Amino acid sequence: MDYPEHPLIQNLNDLDEEALRVKLSELNKKLAIAYRMGNHDLCNQLRMSIGSYNTKYQEKLRKNQDGTNFDDIIDIS
C-alpha cells in the first residue's frame, strides 16, 4: 500500500544513504510498537514518515547507480 509523504518532514536532501537507512530502521521499530499498542493514528503518521524517508532513500540509490557500469562486474558467460 502506498502512503502519501508526511507534510511536516522537510529537507531530507542533507541526509546520506546511511542516515536514511538508520532513520527508516528506527521508524519501523516505532511502527511495530504502535501496532502492538493499538494506536492506529500513530501508525498512520509513522507510515507517512516511512514513505517520505523511503522515497528519498530510493532516489539516492537510483542516483548513485546511474553512473555505475555493470559490464565489468557481471559475467554472464
N, C-alpha and C. Protein backbone atom coordinates (compact mmCIF):
# COMPACT_ATOMS: atom_id res chain seq x y z
N MET A 1 0.85 -1.17 0.00
CA MET A 1 0.00 0.00 0.00
C MET A 1 0.89 1.23 0.00
N ASP A 2 0.56 2.19 -0.84
CA ASP A 2 1.35 3.41 -0.94
C ASP A 2 0.71 4.50 -0.09
N TYR A 3 1.51 5.14 0.73
CA TYR A 3 1.03 6.21 1.59
C TYR A 3 1.61 7.53 1.13
N PRO A 4 0.88 8.62 1.33
CA PRO A 4 1.43 9.93 0.96
C PRO A 4 2.60 10.30 1.85
N GLU A 5 3.41 11.22 1.36
CA GLU A 5 4.54 11.68 2.15
C GLU A 5 4.04 12.54 3.31
N HIS A 6 4.79 12.53 4.38
CA HIS A 6 4.42 13.29 5.57
C HIS A 6 4.66 14.78 5.31
N PRO A 7 3.66 15.63 5.55
CA PRO A 7 3.80 17.06 5.23
C PRO A 7 4.76 17.81 6.16
N LEU A 8 5.05 17.28 7.33
CA LEU A 8 5.90 18.01 8.27
C LEU A 8 7.39 17.65 8.16
N ILE A 9 7.71 16.68 7.34
CA ILE A 9 9.11 16.30 7.15
C ILE A 9 9.64 17.07 5.95
N GLN A 10 10.69 17.83 6.19
CA GLN A 10 11.25 18.65 5.13
C GLN A 10 12.74 18.45 5.02
N ASN A 11 13.27 18.74 3.86
CA ASN A 11 14.70 18.80 3.61
C ASN A 11 15.44 17.52 3.98
N LEU A 12 15.10 16.46 3.32
CA LEU A 12 15.80 15.20 3.51
C LEU A 12 17.03 15.11 2.60
N ASN A 13 17.26 16.12 1.80
CA ASN A 13 18.38 16.11 0.87
C ASN A 13 19.73 16.09 1.57
N ASP A 14 19.80 16.60 2.79
CA ASP A 14 21.07 16.67 3.51
C ASP A 14 21.52 15.33 4.07
N LEU A 15 20.61 14.37 4.15
CA LEU A 15 20.94 13.07 4.72
C LEU A 15 21.56 12.15 3.67
N ASP A 16 22.57 11.40 4.06
CA ASP A 16 23.15 10.42 3.15
C ASP A 16 22.39 9.11 3.26
N GLU A 17 22.79 8.13 2.45
CA GLU A 17 22.08 6.84 2.43
C GLU A 17 22.09 6.15 3.78
N GLU A 18 23.23 6.18 4.45
CA GLU A 18 23.34 5.51 5.75
C GLU A 18 22.41 6.15 6.78
N ALA A 19 22.35 7.47 6.82
CA ALA A 19 21.48 8.17 7.76
C ALA A 19 20.01 7.86 7.47
N LEU A 20 19.66 7.81 6.19
CA LEU A 20 18.29 7.46 5.82
C LEU A 20 17.96 6.03 6.23
N ARG A 21 18.90 5.12 6.03
CA ARG A 21 18.70 3.72 6.40
C ARG A 21 18.49 3.58 7.91
N VAL A 22 19.29 4.30 8.70
CA VAL A 22 19.15 4.25 10.15
C VAL A 22 17.81 4.81 10.58
N LYS A 23 17.41 5.92 9.98
CA LYS A 23 16.13 6.54 10.34
C LYS A 23 14.96 5.62 9.97
N LEU A 24 15.05 4.96 8.81
CA LEU A 24 14.00 4.03 8.42
C LEU A 24 13.90 2.87 9.40
N SER A 25 15.04 2.39 9.87
CA SER A 25 15.04 1.32 10.85
C SER A 25 14.37 1.76 12.15
N GLU A 26 14.70 2.95 12.61
CA GLU A 26 14.10 3.49 13.84
C GLU A 26 12.59 3.64 13.69
N LEU A 27 12.16 4.18 12.54
CA LEU A 27 10.73 4.39 12.32
C LEU A 27 9.98 3.06 12.25
N ASN A 28 10.59 2.05 11.65
CA ASN A 28 9.93 0.74 11.58
C ASN A 28 9.80 0.11 12.96
N LYS A 29 10.79 0.31 13.82
CA LYS A 29 10.68 -0.19 15.20
C LYS A 29 9.55 0.53 15.93
N LYS A 30 9.47 1.84 15.74
CA LYS A 30 8.39 2.60 16.38
C LYS A 30 7.02 2.19 15.84
N LEU A 31 6.97 1.87 14.56
CA LEU A 31 5.71 1.42 13.97
C LEU A 31 5.27 0.09 14.59
N ALA A 32 6.20 -0.81 14.81
CA ALA A 32 5.87 -2.09 15.44
C ALA A 32 5.32 -1.87 16.85
N ILE A 33 5.91 -0.94 17.58
CA ILE A 33 5.42 -0.63 18.93
C ILE A 33 4.01 -0.04 18.86
N ALA A 34 3.80 0.87 17.91
CA ALA A 34 2.48 1.50 17.77
C ALA A 34 1.42 0.46 17.41
N TYR A 35 1.78 -0.51 16.56
CA TYR A 35 0.84 -1.60 16.23
C TYR A 35 0.48 -2.39 17.48
N ARG A 36 1.49 -2.74 18.27
CA ARG A 36 1.23 -3.52 19.48
C ARG A 36 0.35 -2.75 20.47
N MET A 37 0.53 -1.43 20.52
CA MET A 37 -0.28 -0.61 21.43
C MET A 37 -1.67 -0.37 20.89
N GLY A 38 -1.87 -0.62 19.61
CA GLY A 38 -3.19 -0.41 19.00
C GLY A 38 -3.48 1.04 18.68
N ASN A 39 -2.43 1.85 18.57
CA ASN A 39 -2.60 3.28 18.28
C ASN A 39 -2.58 3.48 16.76
N HIS A 40 -3.76 3.41 16.15
CA HIS A 40 -3.87 3.46 14.69
C HIS A 40 -3.54 4.83 14.13
N ASP A 41 -3.83 5.89 14.86
CA ASP A 41 -3.48 7.23 14.38
C ASP A 41 -1.96 7.40 14.29
N LEU A 42 -1.26 6.92 15.30
CA LEU A 42 0.19 6.98 15.29
C LEU A 42 0.76 6.11 14.17
N CYS A 43 0.14 4.95 13.93
CA CYS A 43 0.58 4.07 12.84
C CYS A 43 0.48 4.79 11.50
N ASN A 44 -0.60 5.51 11.28
CA ASN A 44 -0.75 6.24 10.02
C ASN A 44 0.32 7.32 9.87
N GLN A 45 0.60 8.05 10.94
CA GLN A 45 1.64 9.08 10.89
C GLN A 45 3.01 8.46 10.62
N LEU A 46 3.29 7.35 11.26
CA LEU A 46 4.58 6.68 11.06
C LEU A 46 4.71 6.13 9.64
N ARG A 47 3.62 5.58 9.10
CA ARG A 47 3.67 5.08 7.73
C ARG A 47 3.92 6.20 6.73
N MET A 48 3.34 7.36 6.97
CA MET A 48 3.60 8.50 6.10
C MET A 48 5.06 8.93 6.21
N SER A 49 5.59 8.94 7.43
CA SER A 49 7.00 9.30 7.63
C SER A 49 7.92 8.29 6.95
N ILE A 50 7.62 7.02 7.10
CA ILE A 50 8.41 5.98 6.46
C ILE A 50 8.36 6.16 4.95
N GLY A 51 7.20 6.50 4.42
CA GLY A 51 7.07 6.73 2.98
C GLY A 51 7.97 7.87 2.51
N SER A 52 8.04 8.94 3.28
CA SER A 52 8.88 10.08 2.92
C SER A 52 10.35 9.69 2.91
N TYR A 53 10.79 9.04 3.97
CA TYR A 53 12.20 8.64 4.06
C TYR A 53 12.54 7.58 3.01
N ASN A 54 11.62 6.66 2.78
CA ASN A 54 11.87 5.60 1.80
C ASN A 54 11.97 6.17 0.39
N THR A 55 11.13 7.13 0.06
CA THR A 55 11.18 7.77 -1.25
C THR A 55 12.53 8.43 -1.48
N LYS A 56 13.00 9.18 -0.49
CA LYS A 56 14.30 9.85 -0.62
C LYS A 56 15.43 8.83 -0.68
N TYR A 57 15.34 7.76 0.08
CA TYR A 57 16.36 6.71 0.07
C TYR A 57 16.45 6.07 -1.31
N GLN A 58 15.29 5.75 -1.90
CA GLN A 58 15.26 5.15 -3.23
C GLN A 58 15.82 6.11 -4.28
N GLU A 59 15.51 7.39 -4.16
CA GLU A 59 16.06 8.40 -5.08
C GLU A 59 17.58 8.41 -5.03
N LYS A 60 18.13 8.40 -3.82
CA LYS A 60 19.58 8.43 -3.66
C LYS A 60 20.23 7.17 -4.20
N LEU A 61 19.58 6.02 -4.00
CA LEU A 61 20.11 4.77 -4.54
C LEU A 61 20.14 4.81 -6.06
N ARG A 62 19.04 5.28 -6.68
CA ARG A 62 18.99 5.37 -8.13
C ARG A 62 20.03 6.34 -8.67
N LYS A 63 20.18 7.47 -7.99
CA LYS A 63 21.14 8.48 -8.43
C LYS A 63 22.56 7.92 -8.39
N ASN A 64 22.90 7.17 -7.36
CA ASN A 64 24.24 6.61 -7.23
C ASN A 64 24.48 5.48 -8.21
N GLN A 65 23.43 4.79 -8.64
CA GLN A 65 23.60 3.67 -9.55
C GLN A 65 23.56 4.10 -11.01
N ASP A 66 23.15 5.33 -11.30
CA ASP A 66 23.07 5.77 -12.69
C ASP A 66 24.43 5.75 -13.36
N GLY A 67 25.48 6.11 -12.66
CA GLY A 67 26.81 6.16 -13.24
C GLY A 67 27.55 4.85 -13.16
N THR A 68 26.95 3.82 -12.60
CA THR A 68 27.63 2.55 -12.41
C THR A 68 27.59 1.73 -13.70
N ASN A 69 28.73 1.23 -14.11
CA ASN A 69 28.82 0.38 -15.27
C ASN A 69 28.96 -1.06 -14.78
N PHE A 70 27.94 -1.87 -15.01
CA PHE A 70 27.94 -3.24 -14.51
C PHE A 70 28.55 -4.23 -15.49
N ASP A 71 28.97 -3.79 -16.67
CA ASP A 71 29.55 -4.69 -17.64
C ASP A 71 30.80 -5.38 -17.11
N ASP A 72 31.60 -4.67 -16.33
CA ASP A 72 32.82 -5.24 -15.79
C ASP A 72 32.57 -6.09 -14.55
N ILE A 73 31.44 -5.92 -13.93
CA ILE A 73 31.15 -6.60 -12.67
C ILE A 73 30.42 -7.92 -12.89
N ILE A 74 29.46 -7.92 -13.81
CA ILE A 74 28.62 -9.09 -14.01
C ILE A 74 29.10 -9.88 -15.23
N ASP A 75 29.42 -11.14 -15.01
CA ASP A 75 29.87 -12.02 -16.08
C ASP A 75 28.75 -13.01 -16.38
N ILE A 76 28.16 -12.90 -17.56
CA ILE A 76 27.01 -13.73 -17.91
C ILE A 76 27.44 -14.96 -18.70
N SER A 77 28.69 -15.08 -19.03
CA SER A 77 29.15 -16.19 -19.87
C SER A 77 29.10 -17.52 -19.18
